[in-house]
């Protein structure tokens, strides 16, 4: 089997030159970008004024959740609901007692 090493070396030499040219272009572009980046002045914001009074609401729709979020722990939420029910039951029982005795319980 005959292998033409000279042709293979010429092919590899051409590919290496292409890659070196491409590398040179990328390095030049990188240097230009670095120079451009150094010339950019930082933005400094002194004050931000919100003019809420100038906003107008044309349509208001959706759900407003206050106090509870969808990401609450389910076990903690269940515990809170049970505690709330127990407190309401105690209040109802106290109201019934005060009405039956005619006295308010403190």
PDB file of N, CA and C in Angstrom:
ATOM      1  N   UNK A   1       0.838  -1.169   0.000  1.00  0.00           N
ATOM      2  CA  UNK A   1       0.000   0.000   0.000  1.00  0.00           C
ATOM      3  C   UNK A   1       0.889   1.240   0.000  1.00  0.00           C
ATOM      4  N   UNK A   2       0.585   2.141  -0.917  1.00  0.00           N
ATOM      5  CA  UNK A   2       1.409   3.336  -1.068  1.00  0.00           C
ATOM      6  C   UNK A   2       0.678   4.533  -0.467  1.00  0.00           C
ATOM      7  N   UNK A   3       1.360   5.286   0.409  1.00  0.00           N
ATOM      8  CA  UNK A   3       0.788   6.483   1.028  1.00  0.00           C
ATOM      9  C   UNK A   3       1.645   7.661   0.579  1.00  0.00           C
ATOM     10  N   UNK A   4       0.970   8.684   0.014  1.00  0.00           N
ATOM     11  CA  UNK A   4       1.688   9.879  -0.442  1.00  0.00           C
ATOM     12  C   UNK A   4       1.807  10.845   0.744  1.00  0.00           C
ATOM     13  N   UNK A   5       2.937  10.742   1.429  1.00  0.00           N
ATOM     14  CA  UNK A   5       3.160  11.569   2.615  1.00  0.00           C
ATOM     15  C   UNK A   5       3.335  13.042   2.266  1.00  0.00           C
ATOM     16  N   UNK A   6       3.894  13.322   1.104  1.00  0.00           N
ATOM     17  CA  UNK A   6       4.091  14.719   0.703  1.00  0.00           C
ATOM     18  C   UNK A   6       2.748  15.429   0.494  1.00  0.00           C
ATOM     19  N   UNK A   7       1.807  14.762  -0.120  1.00  0.00           N
ATOM     20  CA  UNK A   7       0.479  15.348  -0.329  1.00  0.00           C
ATOM     21  C   UNK A   7      -0.220  15.555   1.017  1.00  0.00           C
ATOM     22  N   UNK A   8      -0.081  14.570   1.883  1.00  0.00           N
ATOM     23  CA  UNK A   8      -0.695  14.673   3.217  1.00  0.00           C
ATOM     24  C   UNK A   8      -0.080  15.833   4.011  1.00  0.00           C
ATOM     25  N   UNK A   9       1.247  15.988   3.943  1.00  0.00           N
ATOM     26  CA  UNK A   9       1.916  17.082   4.653  1.00  0.00           C
ATOM     27  C   UNK A   9       1.504  18.433   4.088  1.00  0.00           C
ATOM     28  N   UNK A  10       1.366  18.543   2.766  1.00  0.00           N
ATOM     29  CA  UNK A  10       0.914  19.801   2.151  1.00  0.00           C
ATOM     30  C   UNK A  10      -0.515  20.128   2.609  1.00  0.00           C
ATOM     31  N   UNK A  11      -1.366  19.106   2.679  1.00  0.00           N
ATOM     32  CA  UNK A  11      -2.742  19.296   3.145  1.00  0.00           C
ATOM     33  C   UNK A  11      -2.754  19.785   4.598  1.00  0.00           C
ATOM     34  N   UNK A  12      -1.969  19.167   5.445  1.00  0.00           N
ATOM     35  CA  UNK A  12      -1.902  19.569   6.855  1.00  0.00           C
ATOM     36  C   UNK A  12      -1.309  20.967   7.001  1.00  0.00           C
ATOM     37  N   UNK A  13      -0.296  21.286   6.193  1.00  0.00           N
ATOM     38  CA  UNK A  13       0.313  22.620   6.232  1.00  0.00           C
ATOM     39  C   UNK A  13      -0.707  23.688   5.841  1.00  0.00           C
ATOM     40  N   UNK A  14      -1.515  23.406   4.832  1.00  0.00           N
ATOM     41  CA  UNK A  14      -2.559  24.356   4.422  1.00  0.00           C
ATOM     42  C   UNK A  14      -3.598  24.552   5.517  1.00  0.00           C
ATOM     43  N   UNK A  15      -3.975  23.446   6.149  1.00  0.00           N
ATOM     44  CA  UNK A  15      -4.970  23.540   7.240  1.00  0.00           C
ATOM     45  C   UNK A  15      -4.407  24.325   8.420  1.00  0.00           C
ATOM     46  N   UNK A  16      -3.150  24.110   8.742  1.00  0.00           N
ATOM     47  CA  UNK A  16      -2.507  24.850   9.843  1.00  0.00           C
ATOM     48  C   UNK A  16      -2.456  26.333   9.523  1.00  0.00           C
ATOM     49  N   UNK A  17      -2.152  26.673   8.271  1.00  0.00           N
ATOM     50  CA  UNK A  17      -2.121  28.106   7.884  1.00  0.00           C
ATOM     51  C   UNK A  17      -3.514  28.721   8.018  1.00  0.00           C
ATOM     52  N   UNK A  18      -4.548  27.982   7.604  1.00  0.00           N
ATOM     53  CA  UNK A  18      -5.914  28.490   7.742  1.00  0.00           C
ATOM     54  C   UNK A  18      -6.240  28.752   9.216  1.00  0.00           C
ATOM     55  N   UNK A  19      -5.877  27.826  10.060  1.00  0.00           N
ATOM     56  CA  UNK A  19      -6.161  27.981  11.491  1.00  0.00           C
ATOM     57  C   UNK A  19      -5.359  29.133  12.090  1.00  0.00           C
ATOM     58  N   UNK A  20      -4.106  29.307  11.659  1.00  0.00           N
ATOM     59  CA  UNK A  20      -3.295  30.430  12.154  1.00  0.00           C
ATOM     60  C   UNK A  20      -3.893  31.760  11.721  1.00  0.00           C
ATOM     61  N   UNK A  21      -4.385  31.833  10.473  1.00  0.00           N
ATOM     62  CA  UNK A  21      -5.027  33.063   9.981  1.00  0.00           C
ATOM     63  C   UNK A  21      -6.295  33.368  10.776  1.00  0.00           C
ATOM     64  N   UNK A  22      -7.055  32.323  11.025  1.00  0.00           N
ATOM     65  CA  UNK A  22      -8.295  32.506  11.791  1.00  0.00           C
ATOM     66  C   UNK A  22      -7.986  32.940  13.223  1.00  0.00           C
ATOM     67  N   UNK A  23      -6.940  32.358  13.812  1.00  0.00           N
ATOM     68  CA  UNK A  23      -6.526  32.733  15.155  1.00  0.00           C
ATOM     69  C   UNK A  23      -6.097  34.190  15.197  1.00  0.00           C
ATOM     70  N   UNK A  24      -5.370  34.631  14.183  1.00  0.00           N
ATOM     71  CA  UNK A  24      -4.927  36.018  14.111  1.00  0.00           C
ATOM     72  C   UNK A  24      -6.128  36.971  14.045  1.00  0.00           C
ATOM     73  N   UNK A  25      -7.139  36.613  13.242  1.00  0.00           N
ATOM     74  CA  UNK A  25      -8.352  37.436  13.156  1.00  0.00           C
ATOM     75  C   UNK A  25      -9.070  37.513  14.504  1.00  0.00           C
ATOM     76  N   UNK A  26      -9.175  36.390  15.182  1.00  0.00           N
ATOM     77  CA  UNK A  26      -9.852  36.355  16.479  1.00  0.00           C
ATOM     78  C   UNK A  26      -9.075  37.178  17.506  1.00  0.00           C
ATOM     79  N   UNK A  27      -7.747  37.094  17.495  1.00  0.00           N
ATOM     80  CA  UNK A  27      -6.937  37.883  18.433  1.00  0.00           C
ATOM     81  C   UNK A  27      -7.085  39.373  18.154  1.00  0.00           C
ATOM     82  N   UNK A  28      -7.106  39.761  16.880  1.00  0.00           N
ATOM     83  CA  UNK A  28      -7.298  41.177  16.534  1.00  0.00           C
ATOM     84  C   UNK A  28      -8.666  41.675  16.990  1.00  0.00           C
ATOM     85  N   UNK A  29      -9.693  40.858  16.767  1.00  0.00           N
ATOM     86  CA  UNK A  29     -11.045  41.229  17.197  1.00  0.00           C
ATOM     87  C   UNK A  29     -11.110  41.350  18.718  1.00  0.00           C
ATOM     88  N   UNK A  30     -10.435  40.451  19.411  1.00  0.00           N
ATOM     89  CA  UNK A  30     -10.398  40.495  20.870  1.00  0.00           C
ATOM     90  C   UNK A  30      -9.733  41.782  21.360  1.00  0.00           C
ATOM     91  N   UNK A  31      -8.646  42.178  20.727  1.00  0.00           N
ATOM     92  CA  UNK A  31      -7.967  43.418  21.113  1.00  0.00           C
ATOM     93  C   UNK A  31      -8.852  44.631  20.861  1.00  0.00           C
ATOM     94  N   UNK A  32      -9.553  44.652  19.730  1.00  0.00           N
ATOM     95  CA  UNK A  32     -10.459  45.764  19.429  1.00  0.00           C
ATOM     96  C   UNK A  32     -11.577  45.845  20.455  1.00  0.00           C
ATOM     97  N   UNK A  33     -12.129  44.706  20.839  1.00  0.00           N
ATOM     98  CA  UNK A  33     -13.205  44.693  21.831  1.00  0.00           C
ATOM     99  C   UNK A  33     -12.706  45.157  23.198  1.00  0.00           C
ATOM    100  N   UNK A  34     -11.484  44.768  23.565  1.00  0.00           N
ATOM    101  CA  UNK A  34     -10.910  45.217  24.835  1.00  0.00           C
ATOM    102  C   UNK A  34     -10.738  46.726  24.846  1.00  0.00           C
ATOM    103  N   UNK A  35     -10.252  47.294  23.724  1.00  0.00           N
ATOM    104  CA  UNK A  35     -10.089  48.749  23.635  1.00  0.00           C
ATOM    105  C   UNK A  35     -11.440  49.452  23.721  1.00  0.00           C
ATOM    106  N   UNK A  36     -12.428  48.910  23.013  1.00  0.00           N
ATOM    107  CA  UNK A  36     -13.766  49.503  23.040  1.00  0.00           C
ATOM    108  C   UNK A  36     -14.364  49.426  24.437  1.00  0.00           C
ATOM    109  N   UNK A  37     -14.120  48.341  25.123  1.00  0.00           N
ATOM    110  CA  UNK A  37     -14.637  48.174  26.484  1.00  0.00           C
ATOM    111  C   UNK A  37     -14.006  49.169  27.445  1.00  0.00           C
ATOM    112  N   UNK A  38     -12.727  49.445  27.258  1.00  0.00           N
ATOM    113  CA  UNK A  38     -12.042  50.410  28.132  1.00  0.00           C
ATOM    114  C   UNK A  38     -12.525  51.827  27.888  1.00  0.00           C
ATOM    115  N   UNK A  39     -13.004  52.107  26.678  1.00  0.00           N
ATOM    116  CA  UNK A  39     -13.470  53.457  26.352  1.00  0.00           C
ATOM    117  C   UNK A  39     -14.889  53.726  26.839  1.00  0.00           C
ATOM    118  N   UNK A  40     -15.600  52.682  27.171  1.00  0.00           N
ATOM    119  CA  UNK A  40     -16.973  52.859  27.655  1.00  0.00           C
ATOM    120  C   UNK A  40     -16.923  53.422  29.070  1.00  0.00           C
ATOM    121  N   UNK A  41     -17.635  54.519  29.252  1.00  0.00           N
ATOM    122  CA  UNK A  41     -17.676  55.160  30.570  1.00  0.00           C
ATOM    123  C   UNK A  41     -18.812  54.534  31.386  1.00  0.00           C
ATOM    124  N   UNK A  42     -18.571  54.320  32.668  1.00  0.00           N
ATOM    125  CA  UNK A  42     -19.630  53.741  33.504  1.00  0.00           C
ATOM    126  C   UNK A  42     -20.797  54.718  33.673  1.00  0.00           C
ATOM    127  N   UNK A  43     -21.986  54.169  33.789  1.00  0.00           N
ATOM    128  CA  UNK A  43     -23.189  54.969  33.973  1.00  0.00           C
ATOM    129  C   UNK A  43     -23.443  55.118  35.459  1.00  0.00           C
ATOM    130  N   UNK A  44     -23.623  56.347  35.902  1.00  0.00           N
ATOM    131  CA  UNK A  44     -23.910  56.611  37.313  1.00  0.00           C
ATOM    132  C   UNK A  44     -25.265  57.297  37.400  1.00  0.00           C
ATOM    133  N   UNK A  45     -26.182  56.676  38.121  1.00  0.00           N
ATOM    134  CA  UNK A  45     -27.529  57.217  38.270  1.00  0.00           C
ATOM    135  C   UNK A  45     -27.608  57.910  39.617  1.00  0.00           C
ATOM    136  N   UNK A  46     -27.878  59.178  39.589  1.00  0.00           N
ATOM    137  CA  UNK A  46     -27.955  59.983  40.811  1.00  0.00           C
ATOM    138  C   UNK A  46     -29.240  59.703  41.588  1.00  0.00           C
ATOM    139  N   UNK A  47     -30.371  59.772  40.892  1.00  0.00           N
ATOM    140  CA  UNK A  47     -31.650  59.713  41.584  1.00  0.00           C
ATOM    141  C   UNK A  47     -32.694  59.090  40.656  1.00  0.00           C
ATOM    142  N   UNK A  48     -33.551  58.280  41.229  1.00  0.00           N
ATOM    143  CA  UNK A  48     -34.667  57.703  40.479  1.00  0.00           C
ATOM    144  C   UNK A  48     -35.950  58.217  41.112  1.00  0.00           C
ATOM    145  N   UNK A  49     -36.768  58.860  40.300  1.00  0.00           N
ATOM    146  CA  UNK A  49     -38.037  59.399  40.798  1.00  0.00           C
ATOM    147  C   UNK A  49     -39.189  58.588  40.223  1.00  0.00           C
ATOM    148  N   UNK A  50     -40.018  58.071  41.108  1.00  0.00           N
ATOM    149  CA  UNK A  50     -41.203  57.344  40.688  1.00  0.00           C
ATOM    150  C   UNK A  50     -42.393  58.280  40.842  1.00  0.00           C
ATOM    151  N   UNK A  51     -43.152  58.429  39.789  1.00  0.00           N
ATOM    152  CA  UNK A  51     -44.321  59.299  39.824  1.00  0.00           C
ATOM    153  C   UNK A  51     -45.573  58.429  39.789  1.00  0.00           C
ATOM    154  N   UNK A  52     -45.839  57.796  40.920  1.00  0.00           N
ATOM    155  CA  UNK A  52     -46.957  56.867  41.025  1.00  0.00           C
ATOM    156  C   UNK A  52     -48.283  57.584  40.822  1.00  0.00           C
ATOM    157  N   UNK A  53     -48.371  58.814  41.249  1.00  0.00           N
ATOM    158  CA  UNK A  53     -49.624  59.553  41.130  1.00  0.00           C
ATOM    159  C   UNK A  53     -50.013  59.788  39.673  1.00  0.00           C
ATOM    160  N   UNK A  54     -49.077  59.655  38.757  1.00  0.00           N
ATOM    161  CA  UNK A  54     -49.371  59.869  37.345  1.00  0.00           C
ATOM    162  C   UNK A  54     -49.816  58.594  36.637  1.00  0.00           C
ATOM    163  N   UNK A  55     -49.778  57.461  37.332  1.00  0.00           N
ATOM    164  CA  UNK A  55     -50.215  56.211  36.727  1.00  0.00           C
ATOM    165  C   UNK A  55     -51.734  56.139  36.721  1.00  0.00           C
ATOM    166  N   UNK A  56     -52.278  55.568  35.657  1.00  0.00           N
ATOM    167  CA  UNK A  56     -53.725  55.348  35.590  1.00  0.00           C
ATOM    168  C   UNK A  56     -53.975  53.872  35.350  1.00  0.00           C
ATOM    169  N   UNK A  57     -55.012  53.353  35.982  1.00  0.00           N
ATOM    170  CA  UNK A  57     -55.382  51.947  35.822  1.00  0.00           C
ATOM    171  C   UNK A  57     -56.633  51.909  34.969  1.00  0.00           C
ATOM    172  N   UNK A  58     -56.538  51.232  33.819  1.00  0.00           N
ATOM    173  CA  UNK A  58     -57.695  51.137  32.939  1.00  0.00           C
ATOM    174  C   UNK A  58     -58.492  49.872  33.223  1.00  0.00           C
ATOM    175  N   UNK A  59     -57.793  48.797  33.572  1.00  0.00           N
ATOM    176  CA  UNK A  59     -58.476  47.546  33.869  1.00  0.00           C
ATOM    177  C   UNK A  59     -57.715  46.839  34.977  1.00  0.00           C
ATOM    178  N   UNK A  60     -58.440  46.341  35.943  1.00  0.00           N
ATOM    179  CA  UNK A  60     -57.831  45.624  37.052  1.00  0.00           C
ATOM    180  C   UNK A  60     -58.513  44.271  37.165  1.00  0.00           C
ATOM    181  N   UNK A  61     -57.730  43.213  36.983  1.00  0.00           N
ATOM    182  CA  UNK A  61     -58.314  41.878  37.089  1.00  0.00           C
ATOM    183  C   UNK A  61     -57.259  40.928  37.622  1.00  0.00           C
ATOM    184  N   UNK A  62     -57.709  39.796  38.110  1.00  0.00           N
ATOM    185  CA  UNK A  62     -56.779  38.801  38.620  1.00  0.00           C
ATOM    186  C   UNK A  62     -57.076  38.467  40.057  1.00  0.00           C
ATOM    187  N   UNK A  63     -56.138  37.802  40.691  1.00  0.00           N
ATOM    188  CA  UNK A  63     -56.300  37.358  42.070  1.00  0.00           C
ATOM    189  C   UNK A  63     -55.222  37.993  42.925  1.00  0.00           C
ATOM    190  N   UNK A  64     -55.618  38.500  44.069  1.00  0.00           N
ATOM    191  CA  UNK A  64     -54.680  39.091  45.005  1.00  0.00           C
ATOM    192  C   UNK A  64     -54.617  38.192  46.232  1.00  0.00           C
ATOM    193  N   UNK A  65     -53.453  37.611  46.478  1.00  0.00           N
ATOM    194  CA  UNK A  65     -53.247  36.762  47.643  1.00  0.00           C
ATOM    195  C   UNK A  65     -52.423  37.538  48.653  1.00  0.00           C
ATOM    196  N   UNK A  66     -52.993  37.726  49.825  1.00  0.00           N
ATOM    197  CA  UNK A  66     -52.282  38.451  50.870  1.00  0.00           C
ATOM    198  C   UNK A  66     -52.069  37.504  52.035  1.00  0.00           C
ATOM    199  N   UNK A  67     -50.825  37.338  52.444  1.00  0.00           N
ATOM    200  CA  UNK A  67     -50.536  36.538  53.617  1.00  0.00           C
ATOM    201  C   UNK A  67     -50.189  35.095  53.320  1.00  0.00           C
ATOM    202  N   UNK A  68     -50.755  34.512  52.314  1.00  0.00           N
ATOM    203  CA  UNK A  68     -50.460  33.130  51.958  1.00  0.00           C
ATOM    204  C   UNK A  68     -49.887  33.116  50.552  1.00  0.00           C
ATOM    205  N   UNK A  69     -48.891  32.311  50.360  1.00  0.00           N
ATOM    206  CA  UNK A  69     -48.314  32.192  49.027  1.00  0.00           C
ATOM    207  C   UNK A  69     -48.444  30.765  48.554  1.00  0.00           C
ATOM    208  N   UNK A  70     -48.348  30.584  47.275  1.00  0.00           N
ATOM    209  CA  UNK A  70     -48.453  29.254  46.688  1.00  0.00           C
ATOM    210  C   UNK A  70     -47.256  28.385  47.073  1.00  0.00           C
ATOM    211  N   UNK A  71     -46.187  29.009  47.500  1.00  0.00           N
ATOM    212  CA  UNK A  71     -44.989  28.259  47.829  1.00  0.00           C
ATOM    213  C   UNK A  71     -44.895  27.916  49.320  1.00  0.00           C
ATOM    214  N   UNK A  72     -46.009  28.076  50.054  1.00  0.00           N
ATOM    215  CA  UNK A  72     -46.004  27.760  51.480  1.00  0.00           C
ATOM    216  C   UNK A  72     -45.833  26.267  51.683  1.00  0.00           C
ATOM    217  N   UNK A  73     -45.293  25.917  52.819  1.00  0.00           N
ATOM    218  CA  UNK A  73     -45.128  24.521  53.191  1.00  0.00           C
ATOM    219  C   UNK A  73     -46.510  23.928  53.459  1.00  0.00           C
ATOM    220  N   UNK A  74     -46.902  22.843  52.779  1.00  0.00           N
ATOM    221  CA  UNK A  74     -48.247  22.284  52.953  1.00  0.00           C
ATOM    222  C   UNK A  74     -48.534  21.860  54.389  1.00  0.00           C
ATOM    223  N   UNK A  75     -47.540  21.298  55.066  1.00  0.00           N
ATOM    224  CA  UNK A  75     -47.750  20.868  56.450  1.00  0.00           C
ATOM    225  C   UNK A  75     -47.983  22.077  57.356  1.00  0.00           C
ATOM    226  N   UNK A  76     -47.216  23.129  57.145  1.00  0.00           N
ATOM    227  CA  UNK A  76     -47.386  24.344  57.949  1.00  0.00           C
ATOM    228  C   UNK A  76     -48.740  24.979  57.676  1.00  0.00           C
ATOM    229  N   UNK A  77     -49.178  24.970  56.433  1.00  0.00           N
ATOM    230  CA  UNK A  77     -50.476  25.529  56.072  1.00  0.00           C
ATOM    231  C   UNK A  77     -51.604  24.733  56.726  1.00  0.00           C
ATOM    232  N   UNK A  78     -51.499  23.408  56.702  1.00  0.00           N
ATOM    233  CA  UNK A  78     -52.513  22.565  57.326  1.00  0.00           C
ATOM    234  C   UNK A  78     -52.555  22.810  58.838  1.00  0.00           C
ATOM    235  N   UNK A  79     -51.389  22.911  59.464  1.00  0.00           N
ATOM    236  CA  UNK A  79     -51.307  23.185  60.899  1.00  0.00           C
ATOM    237  C   UNK A  79     -51.950  24.526  61.224  1.00  0.00           C
ATOM    238  N   UNK A  80     -51.698  25.524  60.380  1.00  0.00           N
ATOM    239  CA  UNK A  80     -52.260  26.859  60.592  1.00  0.00           C
ATOM    240  C   UNK A  80     -53.793  26.815  60.467  1.00  0.00           C
ATOM    241  N   UNK A  81     -54.310  26.073  59.482  1.00  0.00           N
ATOM    242  CA  UNK A  81     -55.761  25.985  59.296  1.00  0.00           C
ATOM    243  C   UNK A  81     -56.426  25.287  60.475  1.00  0.00           C
ATOM    244  N   UNK A  82     -55.805  24.216  60.978  1.00  0.00           N
ATOM    245  CA  UNK A  82     -56.364  23.521  62.143  1.00  0.00           C
ATOM    246  C   UNK A  82     -56.376  24.437  63.360  1.00  0.00           C
ATOM    247  N   UNK A  83     -55.308  25.189  63.564  1.00  0.00           N
ATOM    248  CA  UNK A  83     -55.243  26.126  64.688  1.00  0.00           C
ATOM    249  C   UNK A  83     -56.322  27.193  64.543  1.00  0.00           C
ATOM    250  N   UNK A  84     -56.525  27.669  63.330  1.00  0.00           N
ATOM    251  CA  UNK A  84     -57.549  28.688  63.078  1.00  0.00           C
ATOM    252  C   UNK A  84     -58.934  28.130  63.405  1.00  0.00           C
ATOM    253  N   UNK A  85     -59.211  26.890  63.001  1.00  0.00           N
ATOM    254  CA  UNK A  85     -60.503  26.267  63.305  1.00  0.00           C
ATOM    255  C   UNK A  85     -60.688  26.106  64.814  1.00  0.00           C
ATOM    256  N   UNK A  86     -59.637  25.690  65.523  1.00  0.00           N
ATOM    257  CA  UNK A  86     -59.727  25.521  66.975  1.00  0.00           C
ATOM    258  C   UNK A  86     -60.006  26.858  67.650  1.00  0.00           C
ATOM    259  N   UNK A  87     -59.357  27.918  67.199  1.00  0.00           N
ATOM    260  CA  UNK A  87     -59.584  29.247  67.779  1.00  0.00           C
ATOM    261  C   UNK A  87     -61.020  29.708  67.540  1.00  0.00           C
ATOM    262  N   UNK A  88     -61.548  29.442  66.337  1.00  0.00           N
ATOM    263  CA  UNK A  88     -62.926  29.826  66.034  1.00  0.00           C
ATOM    264  C   UNK A  88     -63.911  29.026  66.886  1.00  0.00           C
ATOM    265  N   UNK A  89     -63.635  27.740  67.085  1.00  0.00           N
ATOM    266  CA  UNK A  89     -64.491  26.912  67.928  1.00  0.00           C
ATOM    267  C   UNK A  89     -64.492  27.419  69.364  1.00  0.00           C
ATOM    268  N   UNK A  90     -63.331  27.808  69.882  1.00  0.00           N
ATOM    269  CA  UNK A  90     -63.239  28.350  71.240  1.00  0.00           C
ATOM    270  C   UNK A  90     -64.036  29.641  71.361  1.00  0.00           C
ATOM    271  N   UNK A  91     -63.916  30.514  70.366  1.00  0.00           N
ATOM    272  CA  UNK A  91     -64.656  31.777  70.385  1.00  0.00           C
ATOM    273  C   UNK A  91     -66.163  31.529  70.345  1.00  0.00           C
ATOM    274  N   UNK A  92     -66.590  30.574  69.495  1.00  0.00           N
ATOM    275  CA  UNK A  92     -68.008  30.255  69.383  1.00  0.00           C
ATOM    276  C   UNK A  92     -68.521  29.663  70.695  1.00  0.00           C
ATOM    277  N   UNK A  93     -67.731  28.796  71.285  1.00  0.00           N
ATOM    278  CA  UNK A  93     -68.125  28.194  72.568  1.00  0.00           C
ATOM    279  C   UNK A  93     -68.209  29.274  73.651  1.00  0.00           C
ATOM    280  N   UNK A  94     -67.279  30.179  73.698  1.00  0.00           N
ATOM    281  CA  UNK A  94     -67.295  31.255  74.692  1.00  0.00           C
ATOM    282  C   UNK A  94     -68.508  32.157  74.488  1.00  0.00           C
ATOM    283  N   UNK A  95     -68.846  32.444  73.222  1.00  0.00           N
ATOM    284  CA  UNK A  95     -70.027  33.269  72.936  1.00  0.00           C
ATOM    285  C   UNK A  95     -71.301  32.572  73.390  1.00  0.00           C
ATOM    286  N   UNK A  96     -71.398  31.254  73.157  1.00  0.00           N
ATOM    287  CA  UNK A  96     -72.579  30.500  73.573  1.00  0.00           C
ATOM    288  C   UNK A  96     -72.707  30.490  75.093  1.00  0.00           C
ATOM    289  N   UNK A  97     -71.578  30.334  75.799  1.00  0.00           N
ATOM    290  CA  UNK A  97     -71.611  30.338  77.258  1.00  0.00           C
ATOM    291  C   UNK A  97     -72.044  31.694  77.802  1.00  0.00           C
ATOM    292  N   UNK A  98     -71.506  32.742  77.210  1.00  0.00           N
ATOM    293  CA  UNK A  98     -71.850  34.079  77.708  1.00  0.00           C
ATOM    294  C   UNK A  98     -73.311  34.407  77.429  1.00  0.00           C
ATOM    295  N   UNK A  99     -73.876  33.903  76.345  1.00  0.00           N
ATOM    296  CA  UNK A  99     -75.259  34.160  76.051  1.00  0.00           C
ATOM    297  C   UNK A  99     -76.181  33.358  76.963  1.00  0.00           C
ATOM    298  N   UNK A 100     -75.768  32.156  77.294  1.00  0.00           N
ATOM    299  CA  UNK A 100     -76.612  31.308  78.143  1.00  0.00           C
ATOM    300  C   UNK A 100     -76.577  31.771  79.588  1.00  0.00           C
ATOM    301  N   UNK A 101     -75.473  32.342  80.050  1.00  0.00           N
ATOM    302  CA  UNK A 101     -75.368  32.795  81.424  1.00  0.00           C
ATOM    303  C   UNK A 101     -75.699  34.263  81.541  1.00  0.00           C
ATOM    304  N   UNK A 102     -75.723  34.954  80.403  1.00  0.00           N
ATOM    305  CA  UNK A 102     -76.008  36.365  80.443  1.00  0.00           C
ATOM    306  C   UNK A 102     -74.812  37.201  80.824  1.00  0.00           C
ATOM    307  N   UNK A 103     -73.640  36.599  80.914  1.00  0.00           N
ATOM    308  CA  UNK A 103     -72.417  37.309  81.291  1.00  0.00           C
ATOM    309  C   UNK A 103     -71.423  37.196  80.137  1.00  0.00           C
ATOM    310  N   UNK A 104     -70.564  38.171  80.037  1.00  0.00           N
ATOM    311  CA  UNK A 104     -69.493  38.118  79.046  1.00  0.00           C
ATOM    312  C   UNK A 104     -68.272  37.533  79.693  1.00  0.00           C
ATOM    313  N   UNK A 105     -67.633  36.645  78.982  1.00  0.00           N
ATOM    314  CA  UNK A 105     -66.408  36.003  79.490  1.00  0.00           C
ATOM    315  C   UNK A 105     -65.205  36.784  79.000  1.00  0.00           C
ATOM    316  N   UNK A 106     -64.227  36.992  79.863  1.00  0.00           N
ATOM    317  CA  UNK A 106     -63.065  37.769  79.450  1.00  0.00           C
ATOM    318  C   UNK A 106     -61.902  36.897  79.165  1.00  0.00           C
TER     319      UNK A 106
END
